[in-house]
Amino acid sequence: MAVSYGVRSSVGRLQEVLVKAPGRSFALGFSKPEYGFRHRPVLDRAQREHAAFRGLLEELDVTVHELTEESDSPDDVYQYDPSLVTADGAIMLRSGKPTRRIEHDFQKRWYQANNVPIVGAVEAPGTVDGGDVCWIREGVVCIGRSLRTNQAGIDQLASMLDEEVHVFDLPYDVGEEDVLHLMSVISPVTNDIAVVEPARLPSGLYRLLESMRIMMIGIPPEEIPSLGCNVLVIEPGLAVMVEGNTQTQGFLEQQGIEVRTFGGTEIAWNGNGGPTCLTRPIRRD
């Protein structure tokens, strides 16, 4: 299957995406505290949830590619983090979570096999997690300096991007075991609307959104654990969320945005990664 690529937005029409179904390594997610899973995964349930999620994306006319190589990282179902696809090709990132660094090699081989050019890589001592990087408008990239993304990594990544780059510090929050990414506290849903978690949103990012006249929809505190702030945009006006975040869903629907949901007890809530985390956008138009 031919793969087309190119991303310069978090909200352009999602055309092609890479996912990874939960496999044998996912079942080990509760075996060590550093993996950060909430309970022992039920693998067959996780696989059913992921199949339904993939089916939903295909129903919404997204071309879904599946990474079939099995790594030793329980987190490899969260394909957003190991790389960033830009207009020119893929940039390989380097996770600040040591147990995840093996995942980069698997994505790199997939890109090479599918003729997606690799245009750069973050090298030690730099670290960047994909979850700390997003576009808030085409050509405007925000990067979070967090426990997973350091200044050395940010400097390297910024030098590879032909974009306007803004950097924001994230709070220590609960620390290394359940790290806070930038995209834990913001999900752009159109060029003029973003879902945010107000209490942990960096003040500088708040001011930037305010100056760009981007409406901020704040999620209620009770929907933070259920990943209410993690919204995958299919196109402006159409988004996917984990089911159960009814208040946030209602706020979006009031703005004319259609919301589709999926069950994610195992693949989303357990490993603390929502629909955005489960995908690596390869092409957005």
Protein backbone atom coordinates (compact mmCIF):
# COMPACT_ATOMS: atom_id res chain seq x y z
CA MET A 1 0.00 0.00 0.00
CA ALA A 2 1.41 3.40 -0.98
CA VAL A 3 1.95 5.78 1.91
CA SER A 4 1.61 9.52 1.46
CA TYR A 5 2.97 11.81 4.15
CA GLY A 6 3.08 15.40 5.30
CA VAL A 7 1.89 17.15 8.47
CA ARG A 8 1.88 20.85 9.37
CA SER A 9 -1.19 20.98 11.59
CA SER A 10 -2.87 19.16 14.47
CA VAL A 11 -6.34 19.70 13.01
CA GLY A 12 -6.05 19.27 9.24
CA ARG A 13 -7.96 16.41 7.63
CA LEU A 14 -6.38 13.20 8.94
CA GLN A 15 -5.63 11.06 5.89
CA GLU A 16 -3.07 8.46 6.99
CA VAL A 17 -2.10 7.25 10.44
CA LEU A 18 0.13 4.62 12.04
CA VAL A 19 -1.10 2.48 14.94
CA LYS A 20 0.18 -0.53 16.90
CA ALA A 21 -2.17 -3.15 18.34
CA PRO A 22 -1.46 -4.29 21.92
CA GLY A 23 0.64 -7.46 21.95
CA ARG A 24 2.60 -9.61 24.37
CA SER A 25 4.59 -6.66 25.75
CA PHE A 26 1.41 -4.71 26.53
CA ALA A 27 0.31 -7.54 28.79
CA LEU A 28 3.39 -6.85 30.96
CA GLY A 29 2.44 -3.22 31.54
CA PHE A 30 1.70 -3.67 35.25
CA SER A 31 4.79 -5.79 35.96
CA LYS A 32 7.05 -2.83 36.85
CA PRO A 33 6.10 0.49 38.47
CA GLU A 34 8.12 2.48 35.92
CA TYR A 35 5.72 1.42 33.15
CA GLY A 36 3.00 3.45 34.87
CA PHE A 37 0.00 1.21 34.14
CA ARG A 38 -2.95 1.48 36.53
CA HIS A 39 -3.88 -2.20 36.64
CA ARG A 40 -2.84 -5.52 35.15
CA PRO A 41 -3.86 -5.38 31.46
CA VAL A 42 -6.47 -7.77 30.14
CA LEU A 43 -4.87 -8.45 26.76
CA ASP A 44 -7.85 -9.87 24.86
CA ARG A 45 -10.02 -6.96 25.97
CA ALA A 46 -7.29 -4.50 24.98
CA GLN A 47 -7.06 -6.08 21.54
CA ARG A 48 -10.83 -5.86 21.07
CA GLU A 49 -10.82 -2.21 22.10
CA HIS A 50 -7.97 -1.44 19.71
CA ALA A 51 -9.70 -3.25 16.83
CA ALA A 52 -12.83 -1.18 17.48
CA PHE A 53 -10.75 2.02 17.59
CA ARG A 54 -9.10 1.14 14.29
CA GLY A 55 -12.49 0.32 12.82
CA LEU A 56 -13.81 3.71 13.90
CA LEU A 57 -10.92 5.49 12.18
CA GLU A 58 -11.51 3.51 8.98
CA GLU A 59 -15.24 4.28 9.17
CA LEU A 60 -14.22 7.96 9.25
CA ASP A 61 -12.22 7.47 6.03
CA VAL A 62 -8.77 7.48 7.62
CA THR A 63 -6.22 5.14 6.02
CA VAL A 64 -4.85 3.12 8.93
CA HIS A 65 -1.42 1.47 8.78
CA GLU A 66 -0.46 -1.01 11.47
CA LEU A 67 3.02 -1.50 12.86
CA THR A 68 3.27 -5.26 13.21
CA GLU A 69 6.74 -5.67 14.74
CA GLU A 70 6.52 -6.45 18.44
CA SER A 71 8.87 -4.55 20.76
CA ASP A 72 9.60 -5.19 24.44
CA SER A 73 7.98 -1.91 25.48
CA PRO A 74 4.45 -2.11 26.97
CA ASP A 75 4.00 1.49 25.81
CA ASP A 76 4.45 0.73 22.12
CA VAL A 77 0.70 0.93 21.60
CA TYR A 78 1.13 4.71 22.06
CA GLN A 79 2.57 5.49 18.64
CA TYR A 80 2.42 9.28 18.95
CA ASP A 81 5.62 9.57 20.99
CA PRO A 82 8.60 8.02 19.11
CA SER A 83 8.60 10.37 16.12
CA LEU A 84 7.15 13.48 14.52
CA VAL A 85 6.06 13.62 10.88
CA THR A 86 6.46 17.01 9.23
CA ALA A 87 5.87 18.33 5.72
CA ASP A 88 9.30 17.00 4.70
CA GLY A 89 9.24 13.58 6.39
CA ALA A 90 9.80 11.96 9.77
CA ILE A 91 11.96 13.21 12.63
CA MET A 92 12.95 10.44 15.02
CA LEU A 93 12.62 11.56 18.61
CA ARG A 94 14.34 10.23 21.73
CA SER A 95 12.10 9.54 24.70
CA GLY A 96 12.92 10.78 28.15
CA LYS A 97 11.55 7.45 29.40
CA PRO A 98 14.43 4.97 28.93
CA THR A 99 12.14 1.95 28.60
CA ARG A 100 10.56 3.51 25.49
CA ARG A 101 13.70 4.21 23.45
CA ILE A 102 13.58 0.80 21.76
CA GLU A 103 10.32 1.86 20.08
CA HIS A 104 12.08 4.39 17.85
CA ASP A 105 13.87 1.67 15.89
CA PHE A 106 10.60 -0.06 15.04
CA GLN A 107 9.02 3.13 13.72
CA LYS A 108 12.19 3.99 11.81
CA ARG A 109 12.15 0.64 10.01
CA TRP A 110 8.50 1.16 9.13
CA TYR A 111 9.21 4.58 7.63
CA GLN A 112 12.13 3.20 5.62
CA ALA A 113 10.05 0.28 4.33
CA ASN A 114 7.24 2.61 3.28
CA ASN A 115 9.33 5.33 1.63
CA VAL A 116 8.69 8.02 4.23
CA PRO A 117 11.95 10.01 4.34
CA ILE A 118 13.69 10.42 7.69
CA VAL A 119 14.87 14.01 7.81
CA GLY A 120 16.47 14.11 11.25
CA ALA A 121 16.82 12.60 14.70
CA VAL A 122 17.14 13.86 18.25
CA GLU A 123 20.43 12.60 19.70
CA ALA A 124 21.73 12.19 23.26
CA PRO A 125 21.76 14.02 25.59
CA GLY A 126 18.62 15.45 24.05
CA THR A 127 15.20 13.97 24.81
CA VAL A 128 11.81 14.72 23.26
CA ASP A 129 8.53 12.84 23.61
CA GLY A 130 5.99 13.36 20.85
CA GLY A 131 3.38 14.06 23.50
CA ASP A 132 5.19 17.32 24.23
CA VAL A 133 4.83 18.61 20.65
CA CYS A 134 1.80 19.94 18.79
CA TRP A 135 0.73 22.55 16.27
CA ILE A 136 -1.78 25.09 17.54
CA ARG A 137 -2.16 26.47 14.02
CA GLU A 138 -0.50 25.57 10.76
CA GLY A 139 3.13 26.59 11.01
CA VAL A 140 2.98 27.30 14.76
CA VAL A 141 4.49 24.57 16.94
CA CYS A 142 4.35 24.38 20.73
CA ILE A 143 6.86 22.26 22.67
CA GLY A 144 6.63 21.42 26.36
CA ARG A 145 9.78 21.29 28.47
CA SER A 146 8.91 18.43 30.80
CA LEU A 147 10.35 15.45 32.65
CA ARG A 148 10.48 13.68 29.27
CA THR A 149 11.61 16.55 27.04
CA ASN A 150 14.73 18.54 27.88
CA GLN A 151 16.26 21.73 26.53
CA ALA A 152 18.93 19.90 24.53
CA GLY A 153 16.22 17.95 22.73
CA ILE A 154 14.10 21.05 22.17
CA ASP A 155 17.07 22.89 20.64
CA GLN A 156 17.72 20.01 18.25
CA LEU A 157 14.08 19.62 17.26
CA ALA A 158 13.55 23.36 16.76
CA SER A 159 16.54 23.48 14.41
CA MET A 160 14.87 20.82 12.23
CA LEU A 161 11.51 22.58 12.00
CA ASP A 162 10.71 25.28 9.49
CA GLU A 163 8.05 26.57 11.86
CA GLU A 164 7.39 29.24 14.47
CA VAL A 165 8.29 27.48 17.73
CA HIS A 166 7.10 28.32 21.25
CA VAL A 167 8.41 26.53 24.36
CA PHE A 168 6.57 26.20 27.66
CA ASP A 169 7.57 24.70 31.00
CA LEU A 170 5.31 22.01 32.44
CA PRO A 171 4.93 21.45 36.19
CA TYR A 172 6.57 18.56 38.03
CA ASP A 173 3.04 17.48 38.96
CA VAL A 174 3.08 13.84 40.20
CA GLY A 175 6.60 13.19 38.94
CA GLU A 176 8.29 10.53 36.87
CA GLU A 177 5.76 7.73 37.34
CA ASP A 178 2.84 9.52 35.63
CA VAL A 179 4.53 12.29 33.69
CA LEU A 180 2.66 15.32 32.42
CA HIS A 181 3.04 15.96 28.67
CA LEU A 182 2.09 19.22 26.98
CA MET A 183 -0.71 17.33 25.23
CA SER A 184 -2.00 16.21 28.61
CA VAL A 185 -3.24 19.78 29.04
CA ILE A 186 -4.15 20.91 25.51
CA SER A 187 -5.78 19.42 22.42
CA PRO A 188 -6.34 21.81 19.50
CA VAL A 189 -9.65 20.86 17.87
CA THR A 190 -9.97 23.58 15.20
CA ASN A 191 -7.84 26.56 14.24
CA ASP A 192 -9.90 28.62 16.69
CA ILE A 193 -10.81 26.18 19.50
CA ALA A 194 -8.69 24.14 21.92
CA VAL A 195 -9.65 21.83 24.76
CA VAL A 196 -7.48 22.62 27.78
CA GLU A 197 -6.98 21.63 31.39
CA PRO A 198 -6.89 25.11 32.97
CA ALA A 199 -5.25 24.23 36.29
CA ARG A 200 -2.07 22.83 34.70
CA LEU A 201 -1.99 24.84 31.47
CA PRO A 202 1.28 26.84 31.32
CA SER A 203 0.51 30.52 31.78
CA GLY A 204 2.61 31.43 28.74
CA LEU A 205 0.56 29.07 26.59
CA TYR A 206 -2.64 30.55 27.98
CA ARG A 207 -1.42 34.02 26.92
CA LEU A 208 -0.44 32.76 23.47
CA LEU A 209 -3.86 31.18 22.91
CA GLU A 210 -5.49 34.35 24.17
CA SER A 211 -3.41 36.54 21.81
CA MET A 212 -4.33 34.29 18.86
CA ARG A 213 -8.01 34.48 19.85
CA ILE A 214 -8.29 30.73 20.24
CA MET A 215 -11.29 29.76 22.36
CA MET A 216 -10.31 27.58 25.32
CA ILE A 217 -12.77 24.90 26.42
CA GLY A 218 -11.79 23.90 29.94
CA ILE A 219 -12.46 20.31 30.95
CA PRO A 220 -14.02 19.64 34.37
CA PRO A 221 -11.63 18.22 37.01
CA GLU A 222 -13.55 14.94 37.24
CA GLU A 223 -12.79 14.20 33.56
CA ILE A 224 -9.01 14.58 33.90
CA PRO A 225 -8.40 10.92 34.90
CA SER A 226 -10.64 9.67 32.08
CA LEU A 227 -8.55 11.61 29.51
CA GLY A 228 -11.13 14.26 28.67
CA CYS A 229 -8.38 16.56 27.43
CA ASN A 230 -7.12 13.98 24.90
CA VAL A 231 -9.01 14.64 21.66
CA LEU A 232 -8.06 13.26 18.24
CA VAL A 233 -9.21 15.53 15.41
CA ILE A 234 -10.25 13.78 12.21
CA GLU A 235 -11.02 17.12 10.56
CA PRO A 236 -12.27 20.48 11.82
CA GLY A 237 -15.72 19.74 13.15
CA LEU A 238 -15.15 16.01 13.72
CA ALA A 239 -13.25 14.50 16.66
CA VAL A 240 -12.72 11.24 18.55
CA MET A 241 -12.63 10.87 22.35
CA VAL A 242 -12.61 8.10 24.95
CA GLU A 243 -16.18 7.40 25.99
CA GLY A 244 -17.39 8.65 29.36
CA ASN A 245 -16.22 12.27 29.13
CA THR A 246 -19.75 13.50 28.69
CA GLN A 247 -19.28 17.07 29.91
CA THR A 248 -16.32 17.79 27.64
CA GLN A 249 -18.10 16.06 24.78
CA GLY A 250 -21.12 18.27 25.41
CA PHE A 251 -19.00 21.44 25.40
CA LEU A 252 -17.57 20.47 22.00
CA GLU A 253 -20.97 19.62 20.58
CA GLN A 254 -22.23 23.03 21.67
CA GLN A 255 -19.56 24.49 19.35
CA GLY A 256 -20.86 22.42 16.44
CA ILE A 257 -18.19 19.70 16.66
CA GLU A 258 -19.32 16.13 16.08
CA VAL A 259 -17.74 13.76 18.61
CA ARG A 260 -17.35 10.00 18.14
CA THR A 261 -16.29 7.87 21.10
CA PHE A 262 -14.73 4.47 21.76
CA GLY A 263 -14.25 2.26 24.80
CA GLY A 264 -10.73 2.53 26.16
CA THR A 265 -10.58 1.00 29.63
CA GLU A 266 -7.50 -1.05 28.71
CA ILE A 267 -5.79 0.77 25.83
CA ALA A 268 -6.44 4.33 27.00
CA TRP A 269 -7.21 4.74 30.70
CA ASN A 270 -4.94 1.92 31.91
CA GLY A 271 -1.77 3.24 30.30
CA ASN A 272 -2.88 6.90 30.47
CA GLY A 273 -2.93 7.46 26.71
CA GLY A 274 -5.96 8.62 24.76
CA PRO A 275 -6.81 8.55 21.05
CA THR A 276 -4.12 11.06 20.13
CA CYS A 277 -1.48 8.96 21.92
CA LEU A 278 -2.65 5.83 20.10
CA THR A 279 -1.88 7.33 16.70
CA ARG A 280 1.04 8.77 14.76
CA PRO A 281 -0.39 11.04 12.06
CA ILE A 282 1.45 10.45 8.79
CA ARG A 283 -0.56 12.80 6.61
CA ARG A 284 -2.90 15.67 7.38
CA ASP A 285 -4.27 17.94 4.65
